[in-house]
Amino acid sequence: MSAERTDLTGTYLTLDDGRPAVRFSRTYDHPVDRVWQFVTDPDELARWFPSRAEFELRPGGTVTFSGDPNMADSQGRVLAVDPPRHLSFAWGGDELHFDLEALDDKRTRFTLTDVLAAADTAARNGAGWEVCLAALDTKARGEHPEGPHAGAGAPWKEFYRGYLEAGVPSGAPVPGLD
């Protein structure tokens, strides 16, 4: 494995309300409406998100998650939606916040904030998002990602080690390792 594999793109932070989170930001060469589809269309999401997610796109709406080999099928709730700029929903014990900002007609800043149920999940979840977002980056370039579970976490362990070395909180069980 080359050292560049562990370039971390996530940031561990404490939100104003005291909750721990990991945050990722990307700039995509697509208009904001297209990036909104990456985040809300079940078929688009299935190419990079850990599970298939189907939304009732309204506050309080149901989110149905299925097909994640590491998590039982489940439901969450839409917390807030402001198309095509913001979507947040409950996922497991976490809250996921997607913020999209049109930089111009052709480029969008994408920010994912995973508000963690427990700080000790930060390294594990951060590494997981690195793998998922690498698949989204591939998709955004017009290539065909094999999906978030391709290669059963091949680079995941490198990212996880990188987060541990960076001192990001860890200790939560890791599916498939613990």
N, C-alpha and C. Protein backbone atom coordinates (compact mmCIF):
# COMPACT_ATOMS: atom_id res chain seq x y z
N MET A 1 0.84 -1.19 0.00
CA MET A 1 0.00 0.00 0.00
C MET A 1 0.88 1.25 0.00
N SER A 2 0.57 2.17 -0.87
CA SER A 2 1.35 3.40 -0.92
C SER A 2 0.90 4.35 0.19
N ALA A 3 1.80 5.22 0.60
CA ALA A 3 1.50 6.14 1.69
C ALA A 3 0.36 7.08 1.32
N GLU A 4 0.24 7.42 0.04
CA GLU A 4 -0.81 8.37 -0.36
C GLU A 4 -2.20 7.82 -0.08
N ARG A 5 -2.32 6.52 0.05
CA ARG A 5 -3.61 5.90 0.34
C ARG A 5 -4.23 6.45 1.62
N THR A 6 -3.38 6.87 2.54
CA THR A 6 -3.90 7.30 3.83
C THR A 6 -4.05 8.81 3.95
N ASP A 7 -4.03 9.53 2.83
CA ASP A 7 -4.35 10.95 2.90
C ASP A 7 -5.79 11.07 3.35
N LEU A 8 -5.99 11.63 4.52
CA LEU A 8 -7.33 11.70 5.09
C LEU A 8 -8.03 12.96 4.64
N THR A 9 -9.30 12.85 4.25
CA THR A 9 -10.05 14.03 3.83
C THR A 9 -11.08 14.45 4.87
N GLY A 10 -11.25 13.64 5.90
CA GLY A 10 -12.22 13.96 6.94
C GLY A 10 -11.60 14.75 8.07
N THR A 11 -12.44 15.50 8.75
CA THR A 11 -12.03 16.29 9.91
C THR A 11 -12.90 15.90 11.09
N TYR A 12 -12.27 15.62 12.21
CA TYR A 12 -13.02 15.35 13.45
C TYR A 12 -13.25 16.69 14.14
N LEU A 13 -14.48 16.93 14.58
CA LEU A 13 -14.77 18.20 15.24
C LEU A 13 -15.86 18.02 16.28
N THR A 14 -15.99 19.02 17.13
CA THR A 14 -17.07 19.08 18.10
C THR A 14 -17.98 20.22 17.66
N LEU A 15 -19.25 19.90 17.46
CA LEU A 15 -20.20 20.92 17.02
C LEU A 15 -20.49 21.90 18.15
N ASP A 16 -21.12 23.02 17.80
CA ASP A 16 -21.44 24.04 18.80
C ASP A 16 -22.27 23.50 19.95
N ASP A 17 -23.09 22.45 19.65
CA ASP A 17 -23.94 21.89 20.72
C ASP A 17 -23.22 20.80 21.52
N GLY A 18 -21.91 20.62 21.25
CA GLY A 18 -21.11 19.68 22.02
C GLY A 18 -21.04 18.27 21.44
N ARG A 19 -21.80 18.00 20.39
CA ARG A 19 -21.79 16.65 19.82
C ARG A 19 -20.56 16.45 18.93
N PRO A 20 -19.98 15.22 18.95
CA PRO A 20 -18.85 14.91 18.09
C PRO A 20 -19.33 14.66 16.65
N ALA A 21 -18.45 14.94 15.68
CA ALA A 21 -18.81 14.74 14.28
C ALA A 21 -17.55 14.54 13.45
N VAL A 22 -17.74 13.94 12.28
CA VAL A 22 -16.70 13.93 11.25
C VAL A 22 -17.30 14.61 10.03
N ARG A 23 -16.47 15.43 9.37
CA ARG A 23 -16.96 16.23 8.25
C ARG A 23 -16.04 16.05 7.05
N PHE A 24 -16.66 15.97 5.89
CA PHE A 24 -15.96 15.80 4.62
C PHE A 24 -16.48 16.84 3.64
N SER A 25 -15.59 17.37 2.82
CA SER A 25 -16.00 18.33 1.81
C SER A 25 -15.35 17.98 0.48
N ARG A 26 -16.11 18.14 -0.58
CA ARG A 26 -15.64 17.87 -1.93
C ARG A 26 -16.17 18.97 -2.83
N THR A 27 -15.49 19.20 -3.96
CA THR A 27 -16.03 20.05 -5.00
C THR A 27 -16.22 19.19 -6.23
N TYR A 28 -17.44 19.17 -6.76
CA TYR A 28 -17.74 18.37 -7.94
C TYR A 28 -18.03 19.26 -9.13
N ASP A 29 -17.59 18.81 -10.30
CA ASP A 29 -17.80 19.56 -11.53
C ASP A 29 -19.17 19.22 -12.12
N HIS A 30 -20.18 19.48 -11.32
CA HIS A 30 -21.57 19.27 -11.71
C HIS A 30 -22.42 20.39 -11.11
N PRO A 31 -23.51 20.74 -11.79
CA PRO A 31 -24.44 21.71 -11.19
C PRO A 31 -25.07 21.12 -9.93
N VAL A 32 -25.54 22.00 -9.06
CA VAL A 32 -26.07 21.58 -7.77
C VAL A 32 -27.24 20.60 -7.92
N ASP A 33 -28.08 20.77 -8.94
CA ASP A 33 -29.21 19.85 -9.11
C ASP A 33 -28.74 18.43 -9.38
N ARG A 34 -27.62 18.29 -10.10
CA ARG A 34 -27.08 16.96 -10.38
C ARG A 34 -26.51 16.32 -9.11
N VAL A 35 -25.78 17.11 -8.31
CA VAL A 35 -25.22 16.58 -7.08
C VAL A 35 -26.35 16.21 -6.10
N TRP A 36 -27.43 16.97 -6.12
CA TRP A 36 -28.61 16.65 -5.29
C TRP A 36 -29.11 15.25 -5.63
N GLN A 37 -29.07 14.87 -6.91
CA GLN A 37 -29.49 13.52 -7.31
C GLN A 37 -28.56 12.47 -6.70
N PHE A 38 -27.25 12.74 -6.65
CA PHE A 38 -26.31 11.80 -6.04
C PHE A 38 -26.71 11.50 -4.60
N VAL A 39 -27.28 12.51 -3.93
CA VAL A 39 -27.59 12.43 -2.50
C VAL A 39 -28.99 11.87 -2.24
N THR A 40 -29.94 12.08 -3.16
CA THR A 40 -31.34 11.75 -2.85
C THR A 40 -31.95 10.67 -3.72
N ASP A 41 -31.37 10.37 -4.87
CA ASP A 41 -31.95 9.36 -5.75
C ASP A 41 -31.46 7.98 -5.32
N PRO A 42 -32.38 7.06 -4.97
CA PRO A 42 -31.97 5.75 -4.44
C PRO A 42 -31.00 5.00 -5.36
N ASP A 43 -31.20 5.07 -6.66
CA ASP A 43 -30.31 4.36 -7.58
C ASP A 43 -28.93 5.00 -7.64
N GLU A 44 -28.88 6.32 -7.53
CA GLU A 44 -27.59 7.02 -7.49
C GLU A 44 -26.87 6.72 -6.17
N LEU A 45 -27.61 6.83 -5.07
CA LEU A 45 -27.03 6.58 -3.75
C LEU A 45 -26.47 5.18 -3.63
N ALA A 46 -27.16 4.21 -4.21
CA ALA A 46 -26.75 2.81 -4.09
C ALA A 46 -25.35 2.59 -4.66
N ARG A 47 -24.87 3.50 -5.51
CA ARG A 47 -23.55 3.36 -6.11
C ARG A 47 -22.43 3.77 -5.16
N TRP A 48 -22.78 4.52 -4.08
CA TRP A 48 -21.70 4.98 -3.19
C TRP A 48 -22.05 4.94 -1.71
N PHE A 49 -23.31 5.05 -1.34
CA PHE A 49 -23.71 5.06 0.06
C PHE A 49 -23.69 3.63 0.60
N PRO A 50 -23.44 3.42 1.90
CA PRO A 50 -23.32 2.05 2.41
C PRO A 50 -24.56 1.17 2.21
N SER A 51 -25.73 1.77 2.14
CA SER A 51 -26.93 0.97 1.92
C SER A 51 -27.82 1.70 0.92
N ARG A 52 -28.78 0.97 0.39
CA ARG A 52 -29.78 1.63 -0.45
C ARG A 52 -30.65 2.46 0.50
N ALA A 53 -30.96 3.67 0.11
CA ALA A 53 -31.78 4.55 0.94
C ALA A 53 -32.90 5.12 0.08
N GLU A 54 -34.13 4.96 0.56
CA GLU A 54 -35.28 5.52 -0.13
C GLU A 54 -35.96 6.50 0.81
N PHE A 55 -36.20 7.71 0.29
CA PHE A 55 -36.65 8.83 1.12
C PHE A 55 -38.07 9.25 0.83
N GLU A 56 -38.78 9.60 1.90
CA GLU A 56 -39.96 10.47 1.79
C GLU A 56 -39.38 11.86 2.06
N LEU A 57 -39.14 12.63 1.01
CA LEU A 57 -38.39 13.88 1.14
C LEU A 57 -39.22 15.00 1.73
N ARG A 58 -39.48 14.87 3.03
CA ARG A 58 -40.16 15.91 3.81
C ARG A 58 -39.72 15.74 5.25
N PRO A 59 -39.69 16.83 6.03
CA PRO A 59 -39.32 16.70 7.44
C PRO A 59 -40.23 15.69 8.13
N GLY A 60 -39.65 14.75 8.85
CA GLY A 60 -40.41 13.69 9.51
C GLY A 60 -40.66 12.49 8.62
N GLY A 61 -40.31 12.60 7.33
CA GLY A 61 -40.51 11.50 6.40
C GLY A 61 -39.63 10.30 6.74
N THR A 62 -40.04 9.14 6.28
CA THR A 62 -39.30 7.92 6.54
C THR A 62 -38.17 7.74 5.53
N VAL A 63 -37.04 7.25 6.03
CA VAL A 63 -35.94 6.82 5.18
C VAL A 63 -35.82 5.32 5.40
N THR A 64 -35.86 4.54 4.32
CA THR A 64 -35.74 3.09 4.42
C THR A 64 -34.37 2.68 3.90
N PHE A 65 -33.59 2.01 4.76
CA PHE A 65 -32.24 1.56 4.42
C PHE A 65 -32.26 0.06 4.22
N SER A 66 -31.61 -0.41 3.14
CA SER A 66 -31.55 -1.84 2.88
C SER A 66 -30.28 -2.19 2.13
N GLY A 67 -29.88 -3.45 2.23
CA GLY A 67 -28.79 -3.96 1.41
C GLY A 67 -27.39 -3.73 1.91
N ASP A 68 -27.21 -3.23 3.14
CA ASP A 68 -25.87 -3.04 3.68
C ASP A 68 -25.45 -4.35 4.35
N PRO A 69 -24.34 -4.98 3.89
CA PRO A 69 -23.94 -6.25 4.49
C PRO A 69 -23.53 -6.12 5.96
N ASN A 70 -23.24 -4.89 6.42
CA ASN A 70 -22.79 -4.70 7.81
C ASN A 70 -23.89 -4.19 8.74
N MET A 71 -25.11 -4.05 8.22
CA MET A 71 -26.17 -3.45 9.04
C MET A 71 -27.51 -4.04 8.62
N ALA A 72 -28.33 -4.36 9.60
CA ALA A 72 -29.67 -4.88 9.28
C ALA A 72 -30.48 -3.79 8.58
N ASP A 73 -31.43 -4.22 7.74
CA ASP A 73 -32.34 -3.24 7.13
C ASP A 73 -33.00 -2.45 8.25
N SER A 74 -33.18 -1.16 8.02
CA SER A 74 -33.69 -0.30 9.09
C SER A 74 -34.39 0.91 8.50
N GLN A 75 -34.91 1.73 9.40
CA GLN A 75 -35.53 2.98 8.98
C GLN A 75 -34.94 4.13 9.77
N GLY A 76 -34.99 5.30 9.15
CA GLY A 76 -34.58 6.53 9.80
C GLY A 76 -35.62 7.58 9.50
N ARG A 77 -35.36 8.79 9.96
CA ARG A 77 -36.27 9.90 9.75
C ARG A 77 -35.55 11.05 9.07
N VAL A 78 -36.26 11.69 8.14
CA VAL A 78 -35.74 12.92 7.55
C VAL A 78 -35.88 14.02 8.62
N LEU A 79 -34.78 14.69 8.91
CA LEU A 79 -34.78 15.76 9.92
C LEU A 79 -35.06 17.11 9.29
N ALA A 80 -34.47 17.33 8.12
CA ALA A 80 -34.67 18.60 7.42
C ALA A 80 -34.37 18.39 5.94
N VAL A 81 -35.08 19.12 5.10
CA VAL A 81 -34.83 19.05 3.66
C VAL A 81 -35.10 20.43 3.05
N ASP A 82 -34.15 20.86 2.22
CA ASP A 82 -34.25 22.14 1.52
C ASP A 82 -33.62 21.95 0.13
N PRO A 83 -34.39 21.34 -0.81
CA PRO A 83 -33.82 21.02 -2.12
C PRO A 83 -33.38 22.29 -2.86
N PRO A 84 -32.28 22.27 -3.56
CA PRO A 84 -31.26 21.22 -3.63
C PRO A 84 -30.06 21.55 -2.73
N ARG A 85 -30.29 22.14 -1.58
CA ARG A 85 -29.18 22.63 -0.76
C ARG A 85 -28.90 21.80 0.49
N HIS A 86 -29.91 21.23 1.09
CA HIS A 86 -29.67 20.56 2.37
C HIS A 86 -30.60 19.36 2.55
N LEU A 87 -30.00 18.28 3.07
CA LEU A 87 -30.76 17.10 3.51
C LEU A 87 -30.09 16.59 4.76
N SER A 88 -30.88 16.36 5.80
CA SER A 88 -30.33 15.69 6.98
C SER A 88 -31.33 14.63 7.42
N PHE A 89 -30.76 13.52 7.92
CA PHE A 89 -31.61 12.42 8.36
C PHE A 89 -30.89 11.59 9.42
N ALA A 90 -31.71 10.88 10.20
CA ALA A 90 -31.19 9.97 11.22
C ALA A 90 -30.83 8.65 10.54
N TRP A 91 -29.65 8.12 10.87
CA TRP A 91 -29.14 6.88 10.30
C TRP A 91 -28.46 6.11 11.41
N GLY A 92 -29.08 5.00 11.81
CA GLY A 92 -28.58 4.32 12.99
C GLY A 92 -28.71 5.30 14.15
N GLY A 93 -27.68 5.45 14.94
CA GLY A 93 -27.73 6.45 16.02
C GLY A 93 -27.19 7.80 15.59
N ASP A 94 -26.70 7.88 14.36
CA ASP A 94 -26.07 9.12 13.88
C ASP A 94 -27.07 10.00 13.15
N GLU A 95 -26.65 11.23 12.90
CA GLU A 95 -27.38 12.13 12.00
C GLU A 95 -26.43 12.44 10.85
N LEU A 96 -26.93 12.34 9.63
CA LEU A 96 -26.15 12.71 8.46
C LEU A 96 -26.69 14.02 7.91
N HIS A 97 -25.80 14.96 7.68
CA HIS A 97 -26.16 16.27 7.13
C HIS A 97 -25.42 16.44 5.81
N PHE A 98 -26.15 16.63 4.73
CA PHE A 98 -25.57 16.90 3.41
C PHE A 98 -25.88 18.34 3.07
N ASP A 99 -24.83 19.13 2.81
CA ASP A 99 -25.00 20.53 2.43
C ASP A 99 -24.35 20.73 1.07
N LEU A 100 -25.12 21.28 0.14
CA LEU A 100 -24.65 21.53 -1.21
C LEU A 100 -24.67 23.02 -1.49
N GLU A 101 -23.57 23.52 -2.03
CA GLU A 101 -23.47 24.94 -2.35
C GLU A 101 -23.03 25.08 -3.80
N ALA A 102 -23.87 25.73 -4.62
CA ALA A 102 -23.50 25.99 -6.01
C ALA A 102 -22.39 27.03 -6.02
N LEU A 103 -21.23 26.66 -6.58
CA LEU A 103 -20.11 27.60 -6.68
C LEU A 103 -20.26 28.44 -7.94
N ASP A 104 -20.86 27.83 -8.97
CA ASP A 104 -21.22 28.51 -10.21
C ASP A 104 -22.19 27.56 -10.93
N ASP A 105 -22.43 27.78 -12.21
CA ASP A 105 -23.41 26.95 -12.92
C ASP A 105 -22.98 25.50 -13.06
N LYS A 106 -21.68 25.25 -12.93
CA LYS A 106 -21.17 23.92 -13.24
C LYS A 106 -20.47 23.23 -12.08
N ARG A 107 -20.28 23.91 -10.94
CA ARG A 107 -19.53 23.31 -9.83
C ARG A 107 -20.31 23.45 -8.53
N THR A 108 -20.19 22.41 -7.71
CA THR A 108 -20.91 22.36 -6.44
C THR A 108 -19.98 21.91 -5.33
N ARG A 109 -20.04 22.62 -4.21
CA ARG A 109 -19.34 22.15 -3.00
C ARG A 109 -20.31 21.24 -2.25
N PHE A 110 -19.83 20.04 -1.96
CA PHE A 110 -20.59 19.00 -1.27
C PHE A 110 -19.96 18.84 0.11
N THR A 111 -20.75 18.95 1.16
CA THR A 111 -20.24 18.75 2.52
C THR A 111 -21.12 17.72 3.21
N LEU A 112 -20.47 16.70 3.75
CA LEU A 112 -21.15 15.67 4.54
C LEU A 112 -20.66 15.80 5.97
N THR A 113 -21.59 15.96 6.90
CA THR A 113 -21.27 15.97 8.31
C THR A 113 -22.00 14.79 8.95
N ASP A 114 -21.22 13.86 9.52
CA ASP A 114 -21.78 12.72 10.25
C ASP A 114 -21.72 13.09 11.73
N VAL A 115 -22.89 13.43 12.29
CA VAL A 115 -22.97 13.76 13.71
C VAL A 115 -23.06 12.42 14.44
N LEU A 116 -22.05 12.14 15.24
CA LEU A 116 -21.87 10.81 15.83
C LEU A 116 -22.66 10.60 17.10
N ALA A 117 -23.21 9.40 17.25
CA ALA A 117 -23.89 9.04 18.49
C ALA A 117 -22.87 8.91 19.62
N ALA A 118 -21.64 8.51 19.27
CA ALA A 118 -20.57 8.35 20.27
C ALA A 118 -19.24 8.72 19.63
N ALA A 119 -18.40 9.45 20.38
CA ALA A 119 -17.12 9.90 19.84
C ALA A 119 -16.24 8.74 19.40
N ASP A 120 -16.34 7.59 20.09
CA ASP A 120 -15.43 6.48 19.77
C ASP A 120 -15.72 5.82 18.42
N THR A 121 -16.76 6.28 17.71
CA THR A 121 -17.02 5.77 16.36
C THR A 121 -16.35 6.64 15.29
N ALA A 122 -15.67 7.71 15.69
CA ALA A 122 -15.15 8.68 14.71
C ALA A 122 -14.15 8.06 13.73
N ALA A 123 -13.17 7.32 14.23
CA ALA A 123 -12.15 6.75 13.33
C ALA A 123 -12.78 5.72 12.40
N ARG A 124 -13.64 4.86 12.96
CA ARG A 124 -14.29 3.82 12.15
C ARG A 124 -15.16 4.45 11.06
N ASN A 125 -16.04 5.39 11.46
CA ASN A 125 -16.94 6.01 10.50
C ASN A 125 -16.18 6.88 9.50
N GLY A 126 -15.16 7.58 9.98
CA GLY A 126 -14.35 8.40 9.08
C GLY A 126 -13.74 7.56 7.98
N ALA A 127 -13.17 6.42 8.35
CA ALA A 127 -12.57 5.52 7.36
C ALA A 127 -13.63 5.01 6.40
N GLY A 128 -14.79 4.69 6.92
CA GLY A 128 -15.88 4.21 6.06
C GLY A 128 -16.31 5.26 5.05
N TRP A 129 -16.43 6.51 5.50
CA TRP A 129 -16.83 7.57 4.56
C TRP A 129 -15.76 7.82 3.53
N GLU A 130 -14.47 7.67 3.89
CA GLU A 130 -13.40 7.83 2.89
C GLU A 130 -13.65 6.87 1.72
N VAL A 131 -13.98 5.61 2.03
CA VAL A 131 -14.20 4.60 1.00
C VAL A 131 -15.45 4.95 0.19
N CYS A 132 -16.54 5.30 0.89
CA CYS A 132 -17.79 5.64 0.20
C CYS A 132 -17.61 6.86 -0.70
N LEU A 133 -16.97 7.89 -0.17
CA LEU A 133 -16.81 9.12 -0.95
C LEU A 133 -15.83 8.93 -2.10
N ALA A 134 -14.88 8.01 -1.97
CA ALA A 134 -14.02 7.69 -3.11
C ALA A 134 -14.89 7.12 -4.24
N ALA A 135 -15.89 6.30 -3.88
CA ALA A 135 -16.81 5.77 -4.90
C ALA A 135 -17.64 6.89 -5.51
N LEU A 136 -18.09 7.85 -4.67
CA LEU A 136 -18.84 8.99 -5.19
C LEU A 136 -17.95 9.85 -6.10
N ASP A 137 -16.69 10.06 -5.70
CA ASP A 137 -15.77 10.83 -6.53
C ASP A 137 -15.63 10.18 -7.90
N THR A 138 -15.51 8.86 -7.92
CA THR A 138 -15.40 8.11 -9.18
C THR A 138 -16.64 8.33 -10.02
N LYS A 139 -17.81 8.19 -9.38
CA LYS A 139 -19.07 8.39 -10.08
C LYS A 139 -19.17 9.81 -10.64
N ALA A 140 -18.78 10.79 -9.83
CA ALA A 140 -18.87 12.19 -10.26
C ALA A 140 -17.97 12.48 -11.46
N ARG A 141 -16.90 11.72 -11.61
CA ARG A 141 -16.01 11.87 -12.77
C ARG A 141 -16.58 11.18 -14.01
N GLY A 142 -17.72 10.50 -13.86
CA GLY A 142 -18.33 9.83 -15.00
C GLY A 142 -17.85 8.40 -15.17
N GLU A 143 -17.09 7.91 -14.19
CA GLU A 143 -16.64 6.53 -14.23
C GLU A 143 -17.65 5.68 -13.46
N HIS A 144 -17.47 4.37 -13.49
CA HIS A 144 -18.44 3.50 -12.83
C HIS A 144 -17.84 2.85 -11.59
N PRO A 145 -18.19 3.37 -10.41
CA PRO A 145 -17.69 2.74 -9.20
C PRO A 145 -18.34 1.36 -9.04
N GLU A 146 -17.62 0.49 -8.37
CA GLU A 146 -18.17 -0.84 -8.12
C GLU A 146 -19.10 -0.83 -6.92
N GLY A 147 -19.24 0.31 -6.29
CA GLY A 147 -20.11 0.41 -5.12
C GLY A 147 -19.28 0.48 -3.85
N PRO A 148 -19.90 0.90 -2.75
CA PRO A 148 -19.15 1.16 -1.52
C PRO A 148 -18.58 -0.11 -0.90
N HIS A 149 -19.10 -1.29 -1.25
CA HIS A 149 -18.61 -2.51 -0.62
C HIS A 149 -17.67 -3.28 -1.52
N ALA A 150 -17.27 -2.68 -2.66
CA ALA A 150 -16.35 -3.34 -3.59
C ALA A 150 -15.02 -3.58 -2.89
N GLY A 151 -14.47 -4.75 -3.07
CA GLY A 151 -13.17 -5.04 -2.49
C GLY A 151 -13.21 -5.19 -0.98
N ALA A 152 -14.38 -5.35 -0.42
CA ALA A 152 -14.56 -5.62 1.02
C ALA A 152 -13.59 -4.84 1.89
N GLY A 153 -13.57 -3.53 1.68
CA GLY A 153 -12.81 -2.66 2.59
C GLY A 153 -11.33 -2.62 2.33
N ALA A 154 -10.89 -2.94 1.13
CA ALA A 154 -9.45 -2.94 0.84
C ALA A 154 -8.76 -1.68 1.37
N PRO A 155 -9.13 -0.46 0.93
CA PRO A 155 -8.41 0.69 1.48
C PRO A 155 -8.89 1.09 2.86
N TRP A 156 -10.00 0.53 3.32
CA TRP A 156 -10.60 0.95 4.59
C TRP A 156 -9.61 0.85 5.73
N LYS A 157 -8.90 -0.28 5.81
CA LYS A 157 -7.97 -0.47 6.94
C LYS A 157 -6.85 0.57 6.93
N GLU A 158 -6.42 0.96 5.73
CA GLU A 158 -5.39 2.00 5.64
C GLU A 158 -5.93 3.33 6.16
N PHE A 159 -7.15 3.67 5.76
CA PHE A 159 -7.76 4.91 6.26
C PHE A 159 -7.95 4.84 7.78
N TYR A 160 -8.43 3.70 8.25
CA TYR A 160 -8.67 3.53 9.69
C TYR A 160 -7.35 3.74 10.46
N ARG A 161 -6.28 3.11 9.98
CA ARG A 161 -4.97 3.28 10.62
C ARG A 161 -4.58 4.75 10.60
N GLY A 162 -4.84 5.43 9.48
CA GLY A 162 -4.52 6.85 9.38
C GLY A 162 -5.26 7.69 10.41
N TYR A 163 -6.56 7.38 10.60
CA TYR A 163 -7.33 8.12 11.61
C TYR A 163 -6.83 7.81 13.01
N LEU A 164 -6.47 6.55 13.28
CA LEU A 164 -5.93 6.20 14.59
C LEU A 164 -4.64 6.97 14.84
N GLU A 165 -3.75 6.99 13.81
CA GLU A 165 -2.47 7.70 13.96
C GLU A 165 -2.68 9.19 14.15
N ALA A 166 -3.78 9.73 13.59
CA ALA A 166 -4.07 11.16 13.73
C ALA A 166 -4.70 11.47 15.08
N GLY A 167 -4.96 10.43 15.88
CA GLY A 167 -5.51 10.65 17.21
C GLY A 167 -7.01 10.85 17.24
N VAL A 168 -7.69 10.47 16.16
CA VAL A 168 -9.15 10.60 16.12
C VAL A 168 -9.74 9.55 17.06
N PRO A 169 -10.76 9.91 17.85
CA PRO A 169 -11.33 8.95 18.81
C PRO A 169 -11.74 7.64 18.14
N SER A 170 -11.44 6.55 18.85
CA SER A 170 -11.71 5.21 18.32
C SER A 170 -12.10 4.29 19.48
N GLY A 171 -12.32 3.02 19.15
CA GLY A 171 -12.64 2.04 20.17
C GLY A 171 -13.96 1.34 19.93
N ALA A 172 -14.80 1.90 19.07
CA ALA A 172 -16.08 1.25 18.79
C ALA A 172 -15.85 -0.04 18.01
N PRO A 173 -16.73 -1.02 18.18
CA PRO A 173 -16.59 -2.27 17.42
C PRO A 173 -16.58 -2.01 15.92
N VAL A 174 -15.81 -2.80 15.21
CA VAL A 174 -15.72 -2.69 13.76
C VAL A 174 -16.32 -3.95 13.13
N PRO A 175 -17.40 -3.82 12.35
CA PRO A 175 -17.99 -5.01 11.70
C PRO A 175 -16.94 -5.76 10.89
N GLY A 176 -16.88 -7.05 11.08
CA GLY A 176 -15.95 -7.86 10.32
C GLY A 176 -14.57 -7.98 10.97
N LEU A 177 -14.25 -7.12 11.93
CA LEU A 177 -12.97 -7.22 12.62
C LEU A 177 -13.13 -7.60 14.08
N ASP A 178 -14.19 -7.13 14.71
CA ASP A 178 -14.38 -7.40 16.15
C ASP A 178 -15.37 -8.53 16.38
